[in-house]
Structure formats: C-alpha cells, structure tokens
Amino acid sequence: MSKQFAVIGNPIEHSRSPELHHAFAEKTGIDLNYAKRLAPLDGFETSVTEFFAENGVGMNVTVPFKEQAFALCGALTERAKIAKAVNTLWMENGVLHGDNTDGQGLVDAIKALNWNLEHSAVLIIGAGGATRGVIYPLVQAGVKKIVIANRTLARAEQLIADLKDAVPEAELSAIALNELNGQFDLVINATSASLNGDALELPETLIFNHAYEMAYGKPSNFLDQAKARNIPTSEGFGMLVGQAIEAFSILNGVRPDLKDFL
C-alpha cells in the first residue's frame, strides 16, 4: 500500500504540494499518495491526530496553522525552534516531530539561480513570520549581514532582538521602510505589499545586485522596479519547490534535484 502523506491548511484548494510531491515521487521511484486536507480553523489538532492515527506518515502545514503545528510538537529541529513555526510534521516513536523547510527552500532557490550568498549583505523587506523563518538558513549559507526593513520599525527591532543570539556570526540590524538606503548583494521582498497592490518604493539611494520576491504568479511592483534597473530578479516559485524538496527528503530519505523541477 502507498505511504500516506497530506498537506493541511485552510483554505487548501490552491496548494501545489500534492502535484510537487507526486512529481518528486515519480522521479525517485517512491510509492506514495499525497492528499489535500482541509482543517476547520478550530480543528487543526484533531485533524492532525486523526491523520497519524490512520497510519499517515508525514504532513506539510500551510497557512494559517504553522504556529499551531509548532506548539503541538514534542520534538523540534533547531531551525523550527528559531522560526517558531512548523511546515513539516512526522511521527517518530510516538512523538510528533516538526521542522521548518521554508528558509532552506529559499536558500536552495537562490543557489539554483547561481546567486552568491557567501559573505553577502542581504536586505529583507518585512518583519513577519516569513522573515523570521529565513534568517537562520541564510546565515548558515554564509550571509554575513542582514538588514530588516519594516513599516513599523519596532517590529523589525523586536525580531532582531529575538534572533540575534541564534546567529551570532552575522550582523543584524533594522531600518524603517521609508529610510531604505545602502548597498546590498540581494534584496528579498517578504511583505504582502506586492500582493495587495500597495506600492513599495525602492529609492535611488538603495543599491542592490539581485531581487527575490517570495510571492509568485502575481504582479509585483517590487520586481518591476528591479527590472527597470536591469537587475536579475526571481519570483518565489523556486522557494516553493525548494521547501517541498527539503520536506520530501526529510519524510522519504531521498532528495530530488531542484533544477529538475524549475
């Protein structure tokens, strides 16, 4: 019988996880079934418990349940502890384990573009959960300086206070969104500004060599501004595939090659 996997969220119809995991399985010769699982907003824990009671092997978690998944776990990886959110769940010796593969997915996507992260300076726009989840993997990949820009400066400063002990080898700082400036190897947009049509202004005083938009498949005025400067850009499809590959390799013990799926 096929091994059973699922992605859980609310809403869930839009999820591309089943399509990706089935493609990885076909490539690696693994027999699995991967389903979409809609959980009621107040029924996440019940749904997870039922899934594993029915011999489910592993689950991926999408919005809005990543923080709840983190709270449910009896064992967490270092990067999940730092992210305070979990997108990959599995049961081992009766203990629910959790990991967060989002940040590694971003790192792998950037490496697949052949953009250098070693000794680099990175500006991340936004100070929400998406940013929290990628700091540690970026530093592990060799980033030496990270500046977090946010509309509410205090939120970016709080995030840095939370994370600085986890990444002592990197220099972290915060800046207000309306004071953007400086020189960076890479700028990452981790806000929903490009999604709800809010104009994100990148001033001339902000110099950068690459631009990565975490969202994908939607118009992005962040990327438009980078393209107008003839700067190499990418939207977040690679990150989506990268985090799925990282989750697949945790749950199945074999790693497909990201470049085969971009």
Protein backbone atom coordinates (compact mmCIF):
# COMPACT_ATOMS: atom_id res chain seq x y z
CA MET A 1 0.00 0.00 0.00
CA SER A 2 1.17 3.54 -0.80
CA LYS A 3 2.60 5.63 2.03
CA GLN A 4 0.10 8.30 3.03
CA PHE A 5 1.00 12.00 3.15
CA ALA A 6 -1.04 15.20 3.21
CA VAL A 7 -0.87 18.97 3.26
CA ILE A 8 -3.13 20.63 5.80
CA GLY A 9 -4.42 24.19 5.71
CA ASN A 10 -7.46 26.44 5.40
CA PRO A 11 -8.00 27.26 2.57
CA ILE A 12 -6.23 24.33 0.91
CA GLU A 13 -7.58 24.08 -2.66
CA HIS A 14 -4.81 26.33 -4.07
CA SER A 15 -1.98 24.18 -2.63
CA ARG A 16 0.51 22.84 -5.16
CA SER A 17 2.11 20.45 -2.65
CA PRO A 18 0.38 17.26 -3.92
CA GLU A 19 1.44 17.99 -7.50
CA LEU A 20 5.05 18.64 -6.39
CA HIS A 21 5.35 15.63 -4.05
CA HIS A 22 3.83 13.28 -6.65
CA ALA A 23 6.34 14.62 -9.23
CA PHE A 24 9.23 14.04 -6.77
CA ALA A 25 7.92 10.53 -6.01
CA GLU A 26 7.75 9.64 -9.69
CA LYS A 27 11.33 10.89 -10.22
CA THR A 28 12.70 8.99 -7.20
CA GLY A 29 10.63 5.81 -7.59
CA ILE A 30 8.71 6.15 -4.32
CA ASP A 31 5.14 4.86 -3.98
CA LEU A 32 3.10 7.45 -2.11
CA ASN A 33 -0.27 9.11 -2.00
CA TYR A 34 -0.34 12.81 -1.10
CA ALA A 35 -3.70 14.47 -0.36
CA LYS A 36 -5.08 17.92 0.46
CA ARG A 37 -6.59 18.10 3.92
CA LEU A 38 -8.90 20.97 4.84
CA ALA A 39 -8.99 21.51 8.60
CA PRO A 40 -11.56 23.73 10.33
CA LEU A 41 -9.91 26.81 11.83
CA ASP A 42 -10.63 25.44 15.32
CA GLY A 43 -9.95 21.80 14.39
CA PHE A 44 -6.27 21.63 13.45
CA GLU A 45 -5.08 19.43 16.33
CA THR A 46 -7.96 16.95 15.90
CA SER A 47 -7.27 16.64 12.17
CA VAL A 48 -3.53 16.02 12.73
CA THR A 49 -4.23 13.42 15.44
CA GLU A 50 -6.69 11.59 13.16
CA PHE A 51 -4.23 11.61 10.25
CA PHE A 52 -1.44 9.95 12.23
CA ALA A 53 -3.88 7.55 13.93
CA GLU A 54 -4.82 6.35 10.42
CA ASN A 55 -1.16 5.47 9.68
CA GLY A 56 -0.31 8.76 8.00
CA VAL A 57 3.47 9.04 7.55
CA GLY A 58 4.02 12.78 7.28
CA MET A 59 2.29 16.09 6.71
CA ASN A 60 3.05 19.51 5.40
CA VAL A 61 1.41 22.50 7.02
CA THR A 62 0.36 25.71 5.33
CA VAL A 63 -1.44 28.86 6.46
CA PRO A 64 -2.88 29.52 8.94
CA PHE A 65 -1.63 26.55 11.00
CA LYS A 66 2.20 26.78 11.08
CA GLU A 67 2.33 28.34 14.56
CA GLN A 68 -0.22 25.82 15.90
CA ALA A 69 1.86 22.99 14.41
CA PHE A 70 4.92 24.38 16.21
CA ALA A 71 3.03 24.34 19.53
CA LEU A 72 1.86 20.72 19.03
CA CYS A 73 5.30 19.19 18.51
CA GLY A 74 7.12 17.16 21.13
CA ALA A 75 10.42 17.48 19.24
CA LEU A 76 11.66 20.33 17.03
CA THR A 77 14.66 20.98 14.80
CA GLU A 78 16.86 23.97 15.55
CA ARG A 79 15.55 25.93 12.57
CA ALA A 80 11.93 25.23 13.59
CA LYS A 81 12.65 26.48 17.13
CA ILE A 82 14.06 29.70 15.69
CA ALA A 83 11.25 30.13 13.14
CA LYS A 84 8.60 29.42 15.83
CA ALA A 85 6.61 27.82 13.02
CA VAL A 86 6.46 24.32 11.54
CA ASN A 87 5.59 23.27 7.98
CA THR A 88 6.66 19.59 8.14
CA LEU A 89 5.32 17.03 10.64
CA TRP A 90 6.12 13.36 11.19
CA MET A 91 5.67 10.81 13.96
CA GLU A 92 8.68 9.02 15.44
CA ASN A 93 8.38 6.60 18.39
CA GLY A 94 5.03 8.11 19.27
CA VAL A 95 6.44 11.66 19.39
CA LEU A 96 5.27 14.34 16.94
CA HIS A 97 8.33 15.91 15.27
CA GLY A 98 8.38 19.24 13.49
CA ASP A 99 10.67 21.09 11.10
CA ASN A 100 10.51 24.25 9.02
CA THR A 101 11.86 23.94 5.48
CA ASP A 102 10.81 27.38 4.16
CA GLY A 103 14.14 29.11 4.80
CA GLN A 104 16.19 26.27 3.34
CA GLY A 105 13.85 26.32 0.33
CA LEU A 106 14.71 29.98 -0.21
CA VAL A 107 18.46 29.31 0.13
CA ASP A 108 18.29 26.40 -2.33
CA ALA A 109 16.28 28.51 -4.81
CA ILE A 110 18.86 31.32 -4.64
CA LYS A 111 21.71 28.83 -5.10
CA ALA A 112 19.90 27.32 -8.12
CA LEU A 113 19.99 30.83 -9.66
CA ASN A 114 23.77 30.85 -9.06
CA TRP A 115 23.47 33.99 -6.93
CA ASN A 116 26.21 34.05 -4.31
CA LEU A 117 25.30 34.11 -0.59
CA GLU A 118 28.81 33.65 0.88
CA HIS A 119 29.91 36.81 2.77
CA SER A 120 26.92 38.67 1.30
CA ALA A 121 24.80 41.55 2.58
CA VAL A 122 21.03 40.99 2.35
CA LEU A 123 18.12 43.38 2.83
CA ILE A 124 14.79 41.74 3.75
CA ILE A 125 11.65 43.86 3.41
CA GLY A 126 9.07 42.85 6.01
CA ALA A 127 9.35 41.59 9.59
CA GLY A 128 6.64 38.92 9.75
CA GLY A 129 6.72 35.14 10.01
CA ALA A 130 8.22 34.69 6.54
CA THR A 131 11.26 36.76 7.52
CA ARG A 132 11.66 35.03 10.89
CA GLY A 133 11.79 31.67 9.12
CA VAL A 134 14.58 32.52 6.66
CA ILE A 135 17.19 34.35 8.81
CA TYR A 136 18.87 31.26 10.30
CA PRO A 137 19.17 29.31 6.99
CA LEU A 138 20.50 32.42 5.20
CA VAL A 139 23.22 32.85 7.84
CA GLN A 140 24.01 29.11 7.70
CA ALA A 141 24.51 29.62 3.95
CA GLY A 142 27.15 32.27 4.59
CA VAL A 143 25.26 35.59 4.66
CA LYS A 144 27.24 37.99 6.86
CA LYS A 145 24.95 41.00 7.13
CA ILE A 146 21.14 41.16 7.22
CA VAL A 147 19.11 44.36 7.42
CA ILE A 148 15.38 44.02 8.08
CA ALA A 149 13.22 46.88 6.81
CA ASN A 150 9.68 47.29 8.06
CA ARG A 151 6.97 49.92 8.04
CA THR A 152 6.80 49.64 11.84
CA LEU A 153 10.44 49.87 12.88
CA ALA A 154 9.76 48.49 16.38
CA ARG A 155 8.57 45.20 14.88
CA ALA A 156 11.82 44.76 12.94
CA GLU A 157 13.84 45.66 16.04
CA GLN A 158 11.90 43.11 18.11
CA LEU A 159 12.57 40.40 15.51
CA ILE A 160 16.30 41.15 15.64
CA ALA A 161 16.29 41.07 19.45
CA ASP A 162 14.61 37.62 19.24
CA LEU A 163 17.05 36.22 16.67
CA LYS A 164 20.47 37.74 17.26
CA ASP A 165 21.62 35.06 19.73
CA ALA A 166 20.73 32.32 17.23
CA VAL A 167 23.02 33.81 14.54
CA PRO A 168 25.98 35.40 16.38
CA GLU A 169 28.17 35.08 13.27
CA ALA A 170 26.07 37.62 11.33
CA GLU A 171 25.39 41.31 11.79
CA LEU A 172 21.65 42.04 12.09
CA SER A 173 20.09 45.49 12.02
CA ALA A 174 16.73 47.16 11.44
CA ILE A 175 15.65 50.10 9.30
CA ALA A 176 12.34 51.89 8.72
CA LEU A 177 10.78 51.21 5.32
CA ASN A 178 10.75 54.92 4.46
CA GLU A 179 14.50 55.20 5.13
CA LEU A 180 15.69 52.50 2.73
CA ASN A 181 19.28 53.02 1.62
CA GLY A 182 22.63 51.27 1.44
CA GLN A 183 24.32 48.69 -0.75
CA PHE A 184 23.26 45.02 -0.83
CA ASP A 185 24.02 41.89 -2.79
CA LEU A 186 20.40 40.81 -2.54
CA VAL A 187 17.04 42.32 -1.62
CA ILE A 188 14.22 39.94 -0.63
CA ASN A 189 10.60 41.07 -0.52
CA ALA A 190 8.88 39.18 2.30
CA THR A 191 5.89 41.51 2.62
CA SER A 192 2.45 41.09 1.13
CA ALA A 193 2.77 44.61 -0.34
CA SER A 194 3.12 43.23 -3.85
CA LEU A 195 0.03 41.08 -3.31
CA ASN A 196 -2.45 43.69 -2.16
CA GLY A 197 -1.24 46.29 -4.62
CA ASP A 198 0.47 48.57 -2.08
CA ALA A 199 3.25 50.42 -3.84
CA LEU A 200 6.66 49.60 -2.44
CA GLU A 201 9.08 52.41 -3.28
CA LEU A 202 12.72 51.47 -3.79
CA PRO A 203 14.68 54.75 -3.66
CA GLU A 204 17.69 55.53 -5.86
CA THR A 205 19.87 55.52 -2.72
CA LEU A 206 19.19 51.79 -2.36
CA ILE A 207 21.78 49.90 -4.43
CA PHE A 208 21.42 46.15 -4.96
CA ASN A 209 22.55 43.39 -7.32
CA HIS A 210 19.70 40.84 -7.16
CA ALA A 211 15.99 40.94 -6.25
CA TYR A 212 13.95 38.00 -4.92
CA GLU A 213 10.16 38.16 -4.50
CA MET A 214 8.83 35.48 -2.11
CA ALA A 215 5.37 35.54 -3.69
CA TYR A 216 4.85 34.07 -7.14
CA GLY A 217 2.40 34.18 -10.01
CA LYS A 218 1.16 37.69 -9.17
CA PRO A 219 2.18 41.13 -10.43
CA SER A 220 4.96 42.61 -8.27
CA ASN A 221 5.90 46.27 -8.38
CA PHE A 222 8.98 45.31 -6.33
CA LEU A 223 10.23 43.16 -9.23
CA ASP A 224 9.09 45.76 -11.77
CA GLN A 225 11.36 48.35 -10.14
CA ALA A 226 14.30 45.93 -10.07
CA LYS A 227 13.76 45.03 -13.74
CA ALA A 228 13.66 48.73 -14.64
CA ARG A 229 17.23 48.88 -13.27
CA ASN A 230 18.20 45.78 -15.31
CA ILE A 231 18.87 43.82 -12.12
CA PRO A 232 18.48 39.99 -12.13
CA THR A 233 15.18 39.03 -10.48
CA SER A 234 13.24 35.96 -9.44
CA GLU A 235 9.80 35.32 -8.03
CA GLY A 236 9.15 32.73 -5.33
CA PHE A 237 8.30 29.59 -7.29
CA GLY A 238 11.81 28.22 -6.67
CA MET A 239 11.36 28.74 -2.93
CA LEU A 240 8.06 26.83 -3.07
CA VAL A 241 9.71 23.92 -4.88
CA GLY A 242 12.79 24.12 -2.64
CA GLN A 243 10.86 23.90 0.62
CA ALA A 244 8.84 20.99 -0.81
CA ILE A 245 12.03 19.11 -1.80
CA GLU A 246 13.52 19.69 1.65
CA ALA A 247 10.29 18.35 3.25
CA PHE A 248 10.19 15.40 0.83
CA SER A 249 13.77 14.45 1.71
CA ILE A 250 13.01 14.56 5.46
CA LEU A 251 9.91 12.39 5.05
CA ASN A 252 11.25 9.97 2.42
CA GLY A 253 15.02 9.91 2.92
CA VAL A 254 15.82 10.78 -0.70
CA ARG A 255 16.41 14.21 -2.27
CA PRO A 256 15.29 15.10 -5.80
CA ASP A 257 17.33 17.74 -7.66
CA LEU A 258 15.71 21.17 -7.51
CA LYS A 259 16.86 22.12 -11.01
CA ASP A 260 14.81 19.24 -12.48
CA PHE A 261 11.61 20.98 -11.33
CA LEU A 262 12.18 24.66 -12.07
